[in-house]
Amino acid sequence: MNQPIGNVPKPSTYEATATPKVTSNDGIQSVQDLKQAQAQGQNIPISEQQLVKAIERAIKAVEGTSTTLDFSIHEQTKHIIVKVLDKSSGEVIREIPNEKSLDFLAKVWEMAGAMVDERR
């Protein structure tokens, strides 16, 4: 049932409760119209700008009144890190995945690379 919208796969774990507007020249005006078009086998491409706006709306929907989300990329592993921050204090409430775990993973990759290089 997970069919791509353009090059972006439809998330399977979350369903939108609101009906955000999708602007398209194919007469698609809502998420329901998009789902109906997909059910009929139509492939509706979306622009990068539409994708960014949809992601921003999703982030705002997930953020609470007292929390905010911060996204970053771990330099060595190139994994995305999401931090849940308290809006008032800026304190990190939760970090997914934990940066220390990614540091450990990077070190393991480095050691594995060194072992492969030594065997040659």
PDB file of N, CA and C in Angstrom:
ATOM      1  N   MET A   1       0.813  -1.198   0.000  1.00  0.00           N
ATOM      2  CA  MET A   1       0.000   0.000   0.000  1.00  0.00           C
ATOM      3  C   MET A   1       0.852   1.257   0.000  1.00  0.00           C
ATOM      4  N   ASN A   2       2.142   1.125   0.380  1.00  0.00           N
ATOM      5  CA  ASN A   2       3.031   2.286   0.369  1.00  0.00           C
ATOM      6  C   ASN A   2       3.481   2.564  -1.051  1.00  0.00           C
ATOM      7  N   GLN A   3       2.866   3.544  -1.667  1.00  0.00           N
ATOM      8  CA  GLN A   3       3.244   3.926  -3.011  1.00  0.00           C
ATOM      9  C   GLN A   3       3.939   5.269  -2.950  1.00  0.00           C
ATOM     10  N   PRO A   4       4.956   5.459  -3.785  1.00  0.00           N
ATOM     11  CA  PRO A   4       5.677   6.729  -3.749  1.00  0.00           C
ATOM     12  C   PRO A   4       4.865   7.866  -4.344  1.00  0.00           C
ATOM     13  N   ILE A   5       5.068   9.055  -3.779  1.00  0.00           N
ATOM     14  CA  ILE A   5       4.540  10.292  -4.335  1.00  0.00           C
ATOM     15  C   ILE A   5       5.749  10.960  -4.969  1.00  0.00           C
ATOM     16  N   GLY A   6       5.864  10.881  -6.260  1.00  0.00           N
ATOM     17  CA  GLY A   6       7.097  11.347  -6.887  1.00  0.00           C
ATOM     18  C   GLY A   6       8.208  10.408  -6.473  1.00  0.00           C
ATOM     19  N   ASN A   7       9.261  10.915  -5.881  1.00  0.00           N
ATOM     20  CA  ASN A   7      10.358  10.081  -5.397  1.00  0.00           C
ATOM     21  C   ASN A   7      10.311   9.875  -3.894  1.00  0.00           C
ATOM     22  N   VAL A   8       9.246  10.327  -3.230  1.00  0.00           N
ATOM     23  CA  VAL A   8       9.166  10.278  -1.777  1.00  0.00           C
ATOM     24  C   VAL A   8       8.172   9.199  -1.368  1.00  0.00           C
ATOM     25  N   PRO A   9       8.616   8.158  -0.624  1.00  0.00           N
ATOM     26  CA  PRO A   9       7.679   7.118  -0.216  1.00  0.00           C
ATOM     27  C   PRO A   9       6.704   7.633   0.828  1.00  0.00           C
ATOM     28  N   LYS A  10       5.477   7.147   0.769  1.00  0.00           N
ATOM     29  CA  LYS A  10       4.445   7.522   1.731  1.00  0.00           C
ATOM     30  C   LYS A  10       4.762   6.867   3.065  1.00  0.00           C
ATOM     31  N   PRO A  11       4.787   7.628   4.188  1.00  0.00           N
ATOM     32  CA  PRO A  11       5.067   7.009   5.484  1.00  0.00           C
ATOM     33  C   PRO A  11       3.951   6.053   5.864  1.00  0.00           C
ATOM     34  N   SER A  12       4.327   4.905   6.432  1.00  0.00           N
ATOM     35  CA  SER A  12       3.335   3.898   6.759  1.00  0.00           C
ATOM     36  C   SER A  12       2.887   3.950   8.211  1.00  0.00           C
ATOM     37  N   THR A  13       3.622   4.643   9.080  1.00  0.00           N
ATOM     38  CA  THR A  13       3.303   4.593  10.500  1.00  0.00           C
ATOM     39  C   THR A  13       2.445   5.754  10.979  1.00  0.00           C
ATOM     40  N   TYR A  14       2.366   6.815  10.234  1.00  0.00           N
ATOM     41  CA  TYR A  14       1.619   7.977  10.684  1.00  0.00           C
ATOM     42  C   TYR A  14       0.566   8.357   9.655  1.00  0.00           C
ATOM     43  N   GLU A  15      -0.611   8.674  10.104  1.00  0.00           N
ATOM     44  CA  GLU A  15      -1.674   9.162   9.244  1.00  0.00           C
ATOM     45  C   GLU A  15      -1.954  10.604   9.623  1.00  0.00           C
ATOM     46  N   ALA A  16      -2.110  11.451   8.656  1.00  0.00           N
ATOM     47  CA  ALA A  16      -2.384  12.864   8.918  1.00  0.00           C
ATOM     48  C   ALA A  16      -3.794  13.004   9.469  1.00  0.00           C
ATOM     49  N   THR A  17      -3.954  13.783  10.539  1.00  0.00           N
ATOM     50  CA  THR A  17      -5.279  14.008  11.091  1.00  0.00           C
ATOM     51  C   THR A  17      -5.931  15.219  10.448  1.00  0.00           C
ATOM     52  N   ALA A  18      -5.143  16.199  10.069  1.00  0.00           N
ATOM     53  CA  ALA A  18      -5.664  17.362   9.365  1.00  0.00           C
ATOM     54  C   ALA A  18      -5.562  17.090   7.871  1.00  0.00           C
ATOM     55  N   THR A  19      -6.197  17.921   7.073  1.00  0.00           N
ATOM     56  CA  THR A  19      -6.114  17.749   5.633  1.00  0.00           C
ATOM     57  C   THR A  19      -5.350  18.914   5.032  1.00  0.00           C
ATOM     58  N   PRO A  20      -4.016  18.800   4.994  1.00  0.00           N
ATOM     59  CA  PRO A  20      -3.227  19.884   4.420  1.00  0.00           C
ATOM     60  C   PRO A  20      -3.512  20.016   2.939  1.00  0.00           C
ATOM     61  N   LYS A  21      -3.382  21.224   2.430  1.00  0.00           N
ATOM     62  CA  LYS A  21      -3.624  21.493   1.026  1.00  0.00           C
ATOM     63  C   LYS A  21      -2.385  21.160   0.209  1.00  0.00           C
ATOM     64  N   VAL A  22      -2.606  20.569  -0.935  1.00  0.00           N
ATOM     65  CA  VAL A  22      -1.544  20.260  -1.873  1.00  0.00           C
ATOM     66  C   VAL A  22      -1.842  21.044  -3.134  1.00  0.00           C
ATOM     67  N   THR A  23      -0.917  21.884  -3.547  1.00  0.00           N
ATOM     68  CA  THR A  23      -1.161  22.666  -4.758  1.00  0.00           C
ATOM     69  C   THR A  23      -0.547  21.948  -5.937  1.00  0.00           C
ATOM     70  N   SER A  24      -1.367  21.657  -6.921  1.00  0.00           N
ATOM     71  CA  SER A  24      -0.930  20.954  -8.098  1.00  0.00           C
ATOM     72  C   SER A  24      -1.771  21.392  -9.273  1.00  0.00           C
ATOM     73  N   ASN A  25      -1.244  21.277 -10.469  1.00  0.00           N
ATOM     74  CA  ASN A  25      -2.009  21.658 -11.631  1.00  0.00           C
ATOM     75  C   ASN A  25      -2.890  20.522 -12.144  1.00  0.00           C
ATOM     76  N   ASP A  26      -2.971  19.407 -11.426  1.00  0.00           N
ATOM     77  CA  ASP A  26      -3.781  18.273 -11.828  1.00  0.00           C
ATOM     78  C   ASP A  26      -5.121  18.231 -11.106  1.00  0.00           C
ATOM     79  N   GLY A  27      -5.508  19.301 -10.436  1.00  0.00           N
ATOM     80  CA  GLY A  27      -6.776  19.317  -9.724  1.00  0.00           C
ATOM     81  C   GLY A  27      -6.705  18.696  -8.344  1.00  0.00           C
ATOM     82  N   ILE A  28      -5.530  18.348  -7.873  1.00  0.00           N
ATOM     83  CA  ILE A  28      -5.350  17.764  -6.543  1.00  0.00           C
ATOM     84  C   ILE A  28      -5.350  18.907  -5.540  1.00  0.00           C
ATOM     85  N   GLN A  29      -6.308  18.900  -4.606  1.00  0.00           N
ATOM     86  CA  GLN A  29      -6.420  19.982  -3.639  1.00  0.00           C
ATOM     87  C   GLN A  29      -6.284  19.521  -2.196  1.00  0.00           C
ATOM     88  N   SER A  30      -6.357  18.218  -1.941  1.00  0.00           N
ATOM     89  CA  SER A  30      -6.265  17.746  -0.569  1.00  0.00           C
ATOM     90  C   SER A  30      -5.580  16.387  -0.537  1.00  0.00           C
ATOM     91  N   VAL A  31      -5.287  15.928   0.659  1.00  0.00           N
ATOM     92  CA  VAL A  31      -4.655  14.624   0.827  1.00  0.00           C
ATOM     93  C   VAL A  31      -5.597  13.532   0.330  1.00  0.00           C
ATOM     94  N   GLN A  32      -6.909  13.700   0.546  1.00  0.00           N
ATOM     95  CA  GLN A  32      -7.874  12.710   0.075  1.00  0.00           C
ATOM     96  C   GLN A  32      -7.847  12.611  -1.452  1.00  0.00           C
ATOM     97  N   ASP A  33      -7.752  13.758  -2.150  1.00  0.00           N
ATOM     98  CA  ASP A  33      -7.660  13.747  -3.609  1.00  0.00           C
ATOM     99  C   ASP A  33      -6.398  13.008  -4.045  1.00  0.00           C
ATOM    100  N   LEU A  34      -5.306  13.234  -3.327  1.00  0.00           N
ATOM    101  CA  LEU A  34      -4.038  12.588  -3.647  1.00  0.00           C
ATOM    102  C   LEU A  34      -4.145  11.081  -3.457  1.00  0.00           C
ATOM    103  N   LYS A  35      -4.748  10.643  -2.354  1.00  0.00           N
ATOM    104  CA  LYS A  35      -4.922   9.214  -2.098  1.00  0.00           C
ATOM    105  C   LYS A  35      -5.811   8.577  -3.161  1.00  0.00           C
ATOM    106  N   GLN A  36      -6.852   9.273  -3.562  1.00  0.00           N
ATOM    107  CA  GLN A  36      -7.751   8.752  -4.586  1.00  0.00           C
ATOM    108  C   GLN A  36      -7.009   8.622  -5.921  1.00  0.00           C
ATOM    109  N   ALA A  37      -6.208   9.614  -6.270  1.00  0.00           N
ATOM    110  CA  ALA A  37      -5.435   9.561  -7.511  1.00  0.00           C
ATOM    111  C   ALA A  37      -4.442   8.401  -7.472  1.00  0.00           C
ATOM    112  N   GLN A  38      -3.824   8.170  -6.313  1.00  0.00           N
ATOM    113  CA  GLN A  38      -2.888   7.050  -6.169  1.00  0.00           C
ATOM    114  C   GLN A  38      -3.622   5.721  -6.310  1.00  0.00           C
ATOM    115  N   ALA A  39      -4.809   5.624  -5.721  1.00  0.00           N
ATOM    116  CA  ALA A  39      -5.593   4.390  -5.807  1.00  0.00           C
ATOM    117  C   ALA A  39      -5.949   4.078  -7.256  1.00  0.00           C
ATOM    118  N   GLN A  40      -6.101   5.103  -8.074  1.00  0.00           N
ATOM    119  CA  GLN A  40      -6.410   4.920  -9.489  1.00  0.00           C
ATOM    120  C   GLN A  40      -5.155   4.668 -10.310  1.00  0.00           C
ATOM    121  N   GLY A  41      -3.996   4.619  -9.654  1.00  0.00           N
ATOM    122  CA  GLY A  41      -2.752   4.313 -10.335  1.00  0.00           C
ATOM    123  C   GLY A  41      -2.048   5.511 -10.933  1.00  0.00           C
ATOM    124  N   GLN A  42      -2.485   6.708 -10.611  1.00  0.00           N
ATOM    125  CA  GLN A  42      -1.839   7.906 -11.140  1.00  0.00           C
ATOM    126  C   GLN A  42      -0.595   8.216 -10.310  1.00  0.00           C
ATOM    127  N   ASN A  43       0.454   8.652 -10.968  1.00  0.00           N
ATOM    128  CA  ASN A  43       1.675   9.070 -10.285  1.00  0.00           C
ATOM    129  C   ASN A  43       1.707  10.590 -10.314  1.00  0.00           C
ATOM    130  N   ILE A  44       1.540  11.233  -9.166  1.00  0.00           N
ATOM    131  CA  ILE A  44       1.481  12.685  -9.076  1.00  0.00           C
ATOM    132  C   ILE A  44       2.834  13.200  -8.594  1.00  0.00           C
ATOM    133  N   PRO A  45       3.609  13.835  -9.469  1.00  0.00           N
ATOM    134  CA  PRO A  45       4.899  14.376  -9.028  1.00  0.00           C
ATOM    135  C   PRO A  45       4.692  15.626  -8.172  1.00  0.00           C
ATOM    136  N   ILE A  46       5.579  15.811  -7.201  1.00  0.00           N
ATOM    137  CA  ILE A  46       5.525  17.015  -6.375  1.00  0.00           C
ATOM    138  C   ILE A  46       6.856  17.740  -6.506  1.00  0.00           C
ATOM    139  N   SER A  47       6.814  19.035  -6.296  1.00  0.00           N
ATOM    140  CA  SER A  47       8.045  19.822  -6.402  1.00  0.00           C
ATOM    141  C   SER A  47       8.823  19.746  -5.095  1.00  0.00           C
ATOM    142  N   GLU A  48      10.080  20.130  -5.160  1.00  0.00           N
ATOM    143  CA  GLU A  48      10.929  20.152  -3.964  1.00  0.00           C
ATOM    144  C   GLU A  48      10.379  21.152  -2.950  1.00  0.00           C
ATOM    145  N   GLN A  49       9.854  22.262  -3.436  1.00  0.00           N
ATOM    146  CA  GLN A  49       9.279  23.279  -2.560  1.00  0.00           C
ATOM    147  C   GLN A  49       8.064  22.723  -1.825  1.00  0.00           C
ATOM    148  N   GLN A  50       7.213  21.973  -2.512  1.00  0.00           N
ATOM    149  CA  GLN A  50       6.058  21.372  -1.868  1.00  0.00           C
ATOM    150  C   GLN A  50       6.496  20.372  -0.809  1.00  0.00           C
ATOM    151  N   LEU A  51       7.538  19.612  -1.107  1.00  0.00           N
ATOM    152  CA  LEU A  51       8.048  18.639  -0.154  1.00  0.00           C
ATOM    153  C   LEU A  51       8.565  19.328   1.096  1.00  0.00           C
ATOM    154  N   VAL A  52       9.344  20.406   0.936  1.00  0.00           N
ATOM    155  CA  VAL A  52       9.882  21.141   2.084  1.00  0.00           C
ATOM    156  C   VAL A  52       8.745  21.714   2.926  1.00  0.00           C
ATOM    157  N   LYS A  53       7.730  22.284   2.288  1.00  0.00           N
ATOM    158  CA  LYS A  53       6.599  22.833   3.034  1.00  0.00           C
ATOM    159  C   LYS A  53       5.859  21.741   3.799  1.00  0.00           C
ATOM    160  N   ALA A  54       5.693  20.574   3.181  1.00  0.00           N
ATOM    161  CA  ALA A  54       5.019  19.465   3.860  1.00  0.00           C
ATOM    162  C   ALA A  54       5.816  18.994   5.064  1.00  0.00           C
ATOM    163  N   ILE A  55       7.144  18.938   4.926  1.00  0.00           N
ATOM    164  CA  ILE A  55       7.994  18.536   6.050  1.00  0.00           C
ATOM    165  C   ILE A  55       7.907  19.563   7.171  1.00  0.00           C
ATOM    166  N   GLU A  56       7.931  20.849   6.822  1.00  0.00           N
ATOM    167  CA  GLU A  56       7.816  21.902   7.839  1.00  0.00           C
ATOM    168  C   GLU A  56       6.488  21.805   8.580  1.00  0.00           C
ATOM    169  N   ARG A  57       5.398  21.536   7.858  1.00  0.00           N
ATOM    170  CA  ARG A  57       4.085  21.376   8.507  1.00  0.00           C
ATOM    171  C   ARG A  57       4.087  20.172   9.439  1.00  0.00           C
ATOM    172  N   ALA A  58       4.729  19.076   9.008  1.00  0.00           N
ATOM    173  CA  ALA A  58       4.797  17.878   9.848  1.00  0.00           C
ATOM    174  C   ALA A  58       5.595  18.143  11.116  1.00  0.00           C
ATOM    175  N   ILE A  59       6.704  18.877  10.993  1.00  0.00           N
ATOM    176  CA  ILE A  59       7.523  19.201  12.172  1.00  0.00           C
ATOM    177  C   ILE A  59       6.724  20.055  13.143  1.00  0.00           C
ATOM    178  N   LYS A  60       6.003  21.060  12.630  1.00  0.00           N
ATOM    179  CA  LYS A  60       5.183  21.902  13.503  1.00  0.00           C
ATOM    180  C   LYS A  60       4.095  21.102  14.193  1.00  0.00           C
ATOM    181  N   ALA A  61       3.537  20.105  13.500  1.00  0.00           N
ATOM    182  CA  ALA A  61       2.490  19.269  14.094  1.00  0.00           C
ATOM    183  C   ALA A  61       3.050  18.395  15.209  1.00  0.00           C
ATOM    184  N   VAL A  62       4.302  17.958  15.075  1.00  0.00           N
ATOM    185  CA  VAL A  62       4.923  17.087  16.074  1.00  0.00           C
ATOM    186  C   VAL A  62       5.405  17.870  17.281  1.00  0.00           C
ATOM    187  N   GLU A  63       5.881  19.088  17.052  1.00  0.00           N
ATOM    188  CA  GLU A  63       6.380  19.898  18.158  1.00  0.00           C
ATOM    189  C   GLU A  63       5.233  20.238  19.108  1.00  0.00           C
ATOM    190  N   GLY A  64       5.524  20.210  20.372  1.00  0.00           N
ATOM    191  CA  GLY A  64       4.535  20.574  21.368  1.00  0.00           C
ATOM    192  C   GLY A  64       4.620  22.055  21.697  1.00  0.00           C
ATOM    193  N   THR A  65       3.812  22.473  22.661  1.00  0.00           N
ATOM    194  CA  THR A  65       3.841  23.879  23.063  1.00  0.00           C
ATOM    195  C   THR A  65       5.090  24.206  23.862  1.00  0.00           C
ATOM    196  N   SER A  66       5.692  23.189  24.491  1.00  0.00           N
ATOM    197  CA  SER A  66       6.875  23.450  25.310  1.00  0.00           C
ATOM    198  C   SER A  66       8.142  22.829  24.736  1.00  0.00           C
ATOM    199  N   THR A  67       8.033  22.159  23.586  1.00  0.00           N
ATOM    200  CA  THR A  67       9.212  21.526  23.000  1.00  0.00           C
ATOM    201  C   THR A  67       9.409  21.976  21.557  1.00  0.00           C
ATOM    202  N   THR A  68      10.634  21.805  21.087  1.00  0.00           N
ATOM    203  CA  THR A  68      10.982  22.089  19.696  1.00  0.00           C
ATOM    204  C   THR A  68      11.937  21.011  19.214  1.00  0.00           C
ATOM    205  N   LEU A  69      12.042  20.855  17.916  1.00  0.00           N
ATOM    206  CA  LEU A  69      12.926  19.846  17.339  1.00  0.00           C
ATOM    207  C   LEU A  69      14.118  20.514  16.667  1.00  0.00           C
ATOM    208  N   ASP A  70      15.281  19.892  16.797  1.00  0.00           N
ATOM    209  CA  ASP A  70      16.495  20.378  16.156  1.00  0.00           C
ATOM    210  C   ASP A  70      17.092  19.218  15.364  1.00  0.00           C
ATOM    211  N   PHE A  71      17.329  19.445  14.070  1.00  0.00           N
ATOM    212  CA  PHE A  71      17.886  18.416  13.204  1.00  0.00           C
ATOM    213  C   PHE A  71      19.329  18.758  12.877  1.00  0.00           C
ATOM    214  N   SER A  72      20.195  17.745  12.907  1.00  0.00           N
ATOM    215  CA  SER A  72      21.590  17.936  12.522  1.00  0.00           C
ATOM    216  C   SER A  72      22.097  16.643  11.894  1.00  0.00           C
ATOM    217  N   ILE A  73      23.279  16.720  11.294  1.00  0.00           N
ATOM    218  CA  ILE A  73      23.878  15.543  10.668  1.00  0.00           C
ATOM    219  C   ILE A  73      25.194  15.248  11.363  1.00  0.00           C
ATOM    220  N   HIS A  74      25.352  14.010  11.793  1.00  0.00           N
ATOM    221  CA  HIS A  74      26.583  13.561  12.432  1.00  0.00           C
ATOM    222  C   HIS A  74      27.666  13.529  11.359  1.00  0.00           C
ATOM    223  N   GLU A  75      28.759  14.240  11.579  1.00  0.00           N
ATOM    224  CA  GLU A  75      29.790  14.434  10.560  1.00  0.00           C
ATOM    225  C   GLU A  75      30.410  13.128  10.069  1.00  0.00           C
ATOM    226  N   GLN A  76      30.776  12.231  10.974  1.00  0.00           N
ATOM    227  CA  GLN A  76      31.507  11.032  10.565  1.00  0.00           C
ATOM    228  C   GLN A  76      30.614   9.969   9.936  1.00  0.00           C
ATOM    229  N   THR A  77      29.393   9.786  10.451  1.00  0.00           N
ATOM    230  CA  THR A  77      28.526   8.720   9.945  1.00  0.00           C
ATOM    231  C   THR A  77      27.499   9.227   8.935  1.00  0.00           C
ATOM    232  N   LYS A  78      27.301  10.529   8.886  1.00  0.00           N
ATOM    233  CA  LYS A  78      26.311  11.162   7.998  1.00  0.00           C
ATOM    234  C   LYS A  78      24.874  10.746   8.342  1.00  0.00           C
ATOM    235  N   HIS A  79      24.644  10.339   9.592  1.00  0.00           N
ATOM    236  CA  HIS A  79      23.300  10.025  10.068  1.00  0.00           C
ATOM    237  C   HIS A  79      22.621  11.300  10.577  1.00  0.00           C
ATOM    238  N   ILE A  80      21.309  11.340  10.457  1.00  0.00           N
ATOM    239  CA  ILE A  80      20.534  12.479  10.950  1.00  0.00           C
ATOM    240  C   ILE A  80      20.286  12.299  12.436  1.00  0.00           C
ATOM    241  N   ILE A  81      20.497  13.374  13.204  1.00  0.00           N
ATOM    242  CA  ILE A  81      20.236  13.383  14.642  1.00  0.00           C
ATOM    243  C   ILE A  81      19.080  14.344  14.894  1.00  0.00           C
ATOM    244  N   VAL A  82      18.100  13.879  15.651  1.00  0.00           N
ATOM    245  CA  VAL A  82      16.964  14.726  16.030  1.00  0.00           C
ATOM    246  C   VAL A  82      17.039  14.948  17.533  1.00  0.00           C
ATOM    247  N   LYS A  83      17.049  16.221  17.924  1.00  0.00           N
ATOM    248  CA  LYS A  83      17.065  16.558  19.351  1.00  0.00           C
ATOM    249  C   LYS A  83      15.734  17.194  19.714  1.00  0.00           C
ATOM    250  N   VAL A  84      15.135  16.712  20.791  1.00  0.00           N
ATOM    251  CA  VAL A  84      13.925  17.320  21.337  1.00  0.00           C
ATOM    252  C   VAL A  84      14.390  18.266  22.432  1.00  0.00           C
ATOM    253  N   LEU A  85      14.097  19.554  22.249  1.00  0.00           N
ATOM    254  CA  LEU A  85      14.573  20.580  23.174  1.00  0.00           C
ATOM    255  C   LEU A  85      13.424  21.236  23.907  1.00  0.00           C
ATOM    256  N   ASP A  86      13.658  21.617  25.161  1.00  0.00           N
ATOM    257  CA  ASP A  86      12.714  22.422  25.925  1.00  0.00           C
ATOM    258  C   ASP A  86      12.789  23.846  25.390  1.00  0.00           C
ATOM    259  N   LYS A  87      11.649  24.414  24.984  1.00  0.00           N
ATOM    260  CA  LYS A  87      11.657  25.760  24.395  1.00  0.00           C
ATOM    261  C   LYS A  87      12.139  26.826  25.366  1.00  0.00           C
ATOM    262  N   SER A  88      11.757  26.721  26.619  1.00  0.00           N
ATOM    263  CA  SER A  88      12.098  27.775  27.571  1.00  0.00           C
ATOM    264  C   SER A  88      13.563  27.736  28.000  1.00  0.00           C
ATOM    265  N   SER A  89      14.100  26.550  28.255  1.00  0.00           N
ATOM    266  CA  SER A  89      15.468  26.462  28.761  1.00  0.00           C
ATOM    267  C   SER A  89      16.490  26.086  27.680  1.00  0.00           C
ATOM    268  N   GLY A  90      16.041  25.505  26.584  1.00  0.00           N
ATOM    269  CA  GLY A  90      16.962  25.045  25.556  1.00  0.00           C
ATOM    270  C   GLY A  90      17.618  23.716  25.900  1.00  0.00           C
ATOM    271  N   GLU A  91      17.217  23.109  27.013  1.00  0.00           N
ATOM    272  CA  GLU A  91      17.791  21.850  27.477  1.00  0.00           C
ATOM    273  C   GLU A  91      17.362  20.708  26.552  1.00  0.00           C
ATOM    274  N   VAL A  92      18.316  19.792  26.275  1.00  0.00           N
ATOM    275  CA  VAL A  92      18.012  18.626  25.450  1.00  0.00           C
ATOM    276  C   VAL A  92      17.224  17.628  26.294  1.00  0.00           C
ATOM    277  N   ILE A  93      16.006  17.322  25.859  1.00  0.00           N
ATOM    278  CA  ILE A  93      15.159  16.354  26.547  1.00  0.00           C
ATOM    279  C   ILE A  93      15.477  14.943  26.063  1.00  0.00           C
ATOM    280  N   ARG A  94      15.641  14.809  24.731  1.00  0.00           N
ATOM    281  CA  ARG A  94      15.938  13.516  24.136  1.00  0.00           C
ATOM    282  C   ARG A  94      16.708  13.719  22.840  1.00  0.00           C
ATOM    283  N   GLU A  95      17.581  12.781  22.536  1.00  0.00           N
ATOM    284  CA  GLU A  95      18.380  12.838  21.315  1.00  0.00           C
ATOM    285  C   GLU A  95      18.254  11.487  20.609  1.00  0.00           C
ATOM    286  N   ILE A  96      17.840  11.514  19.339  1.00  0.00           N
ATOM    287  CA  ILE A  96      17.585  10.281  18.610  1.00  0.00           C
ATOM    288  C   ILE A  96      18.337  10.328  17.288  1.00  0.00           C
ATOM    289  N   PRO A  97      19.240   9.413  16.998  1.00  0.00           N
ATOM    290  CA  PRO A  97      19.917   8.524  17.934  1.00  0.00           C
ATOM    291  C   PRO A  97      20.903   9.317  18.790  1.00  0.00           C
ATOM    292  N   ASN A  98      21.335   8.702  19.833  1.00  0.00           N
ATOM    293  CA  ASN A  98      22.262   9.343  20.757  1.00  0.00           C
ATOM    294  C   ASN A  98      23.589   9.615  20.046  1.00  0.00           C
ATOM    295  N   GLU A  99      24.123  10.827  20.206  1.00  0.00           N
ATOM    296  CA  GLU A  99      25.368  11.207  19.532  1.00  0.00           C
ATOM    297  C   GLU A  99      26.541  10.335  19.972  1.00  0.00           C
ATOM    298  N   LYS A 100      26.558   9.915  21.229  1.00  0.00           N
ATOM    299  CA  LYS A 100      27.634   9.049  21.712  1.00  0.00           C
ATOM    300  C   LYS A 100      27.598   7.698  20.995  1.00  0.00           C
ATOM    301  N   SER A 101      26.393   7.207  20.714  1.00  0.00           N
ATOM    302  CA  SER A 101      26.268   5.947  19.976  1.00  0.00           C
ATOM    303  C   SER A 101      26.825   6.088  18.563  1.00  0.00           C
ATOM    304  N   LEU A 102      26.548   7.239  17.933  1.00  0.00           N
ATOM    305  CA  LEU A 102      27.075   7.468  16.586  1.00  0.00           C
ATOM    306  C   LEU A 102      28.592   7.647  16.601  1.00  0.00           C
ATOM    307  N   ASP A 103      29.120   8.274  17.659  1.00  0.00           N
ATOM    308  CA  ASP A 103      30.574   8.383  17.803  1.00  0.00           C
ATOM    309  C   ASP A 103      31.203   6.987  17.912  1.00  0.00           C
ATOM    310  N   PHE A 104      30.555   6.112  18.691  1.00  0.00           N
ATOM    311  CA  PHE A 104      31.019   4.735  18.847  1.00  0.00           C
ATOM    312  C   PHE A 104      30.980   4.005  17.501  1.00  0.00           C
ATOM    313  N   LEU A 105      29.879   4.169  16.758  1.00  0.00           N
ATOM    314  CA  LEU A 105      29.743   3.543  15.449  1.00  0.00           C
ATOM    315  C   LEU A 105      30.846   4.022  14.501  1.00  0.00           C
ATOM    316  N   ALA A 106      31.123   5.312  14.514  1.00  0.00           N
ATOM    317  CA  ALA A 106      32.183   5.861  13.664  1.00  0.00           C
ATOM    318  C   ALA A 106      33.532   5.243  14.028  1.00  0.00           C
ATOM    319  N   LYS A 107      33.789   5.059  15.321  1.00  0.00           N
ATOM    320  CA  LYS A 107      35.049   4.457  15.768  1.00  0.00           C
ATOM    321  C   LYS A 107      35.144   2.996  15.328  1.00  0.00           C
ATOM    322  N   VAL A 108      34.019   2.273  15.400  1.00  0.00           N
ATOM    323  CA  VAL A 108      34.002   0.875  14.952  1.00  0.00           C
ATOM    324  C   VAL A 108      34.286   0.816  13.456  1.00  0.00           C
ATOM    325  N   TRP A 109      33.659   1.707  12.689  1.00  0.00           N
ATOM    326  CA  TRP A 109      33.909   1.738  11.245  1.00  0.00           C
ATOM    327  C   TRP A 109      35.381   2.033  10.959  1.00  0.00           C
ATOM    328  N   GLU A 110      35.944   2.958  11.740  1.00  0.00           N
ATOM    329  CA  GLU A 110      37.350   3.320  11.570  1.00  0.00           C
ATOM    330  C   GLU A 110      38.248   2.129  11.864  1.00  0.00           C
ATOM    331  N   MET A 111      37.960   1.403  12.956  1.00  0.00           N
ATOM    332  CA  MET A 111      38.759   0.236  13.321  1.00  0.00           C
ATOM    333  C   MET A 111      38.608  -0.881  12.290  1.00  0.00           C
ATOM    334  N   ALA A 112      37.394  -1.081  11.797  1.00  0.00           N
ATOM    335  CA  ALA A 112      37.162  -2.116  10.787  1.00  0.00           C
ATOM    336  C   ALA A 112      37.930  -1.777   9.520  1.00  0.00           C
ATOM    337  N   GLY A 113      37.971  -0.522   9.161  1.00  0.00           N
ATOM    338  CA  GLY A 113      38.733  -0.091   7.995  1.00  0.00           C
ATOM    339  C   GLY A 113      40.211  -0.307   8.171  1.00  0.00           C
ATOM    340  N   ALA A 114      40.709  -0.061   9.397  1.00  0.00           N
ATOM    341  CA  ALA A 114      42.127  -0.239   9.676  1.00  0.00           C
ATOM    342  C   ALA A 114      42.497  -1.718   9.583  1.00  0.00           C
ATOM    343  N   MET A 115      41.645  -2.608  10.061  1.00  0.00           N
ATOM    344  CA  MET A 115      41.920  -4.047   9.987  1.00  0.00           C
ATOM    345  C   MET A 115      41.945  -4.521   8.542  1.00  0.00           C
ATOM    346  N   VAL A 116      41.046  -4.015   7.727  1.00  0.00           N
ATOM    347  CA  VAL A 116      41.015  -4.412   6.324  1.00  0.00           C
ATOM    348  C   VAL A 116      42.272  -3.911   5.636  1.00  0.00           C
ATOM    349  N   ASP A 117      42.683  -2.688   5.911  1.00  0.00           N
ATOM    350  CA  ASP A 117      43.886  -2.117   5.298  1.00  0.00           C
ATOM    351  C   ASP A 117      45.142  -2.881   5.701  1.00  0.00           C
ATOM    352  N   GLU A 118      45.219  -3.355   6.963  1.00  0.00           N
ATOM    353  CA  GLU A 118      46.403  -4.065   7.443  1.00  0.00           C
ATOM    354  C   GLU A 118      46.560  -5.427   6.806  1.00  0.00           C
ATOM    355  N   ARG A 119      45.474  -6.063   6.423  1.00  0.00           N
ATOM    356  CA  ARG A 119      45.535  -7.402   5.857  1.00  0.00           C
ATOM    357  C   ARG A 119      46.036  -7.393   4.418  1.00  0.00           C
ATOM    358  N   ARG A 120      46.022  -6.288   3.760  1.00  0.00           N
ATOM    359  CA  ARG A 120      46.451  -6.239   2.349  1.00  0.00           C
ATOM    360  C   ARG A 120      47.904  -6.307   2.201  1.00  0.00           C
TER     361      ARG A 120
END
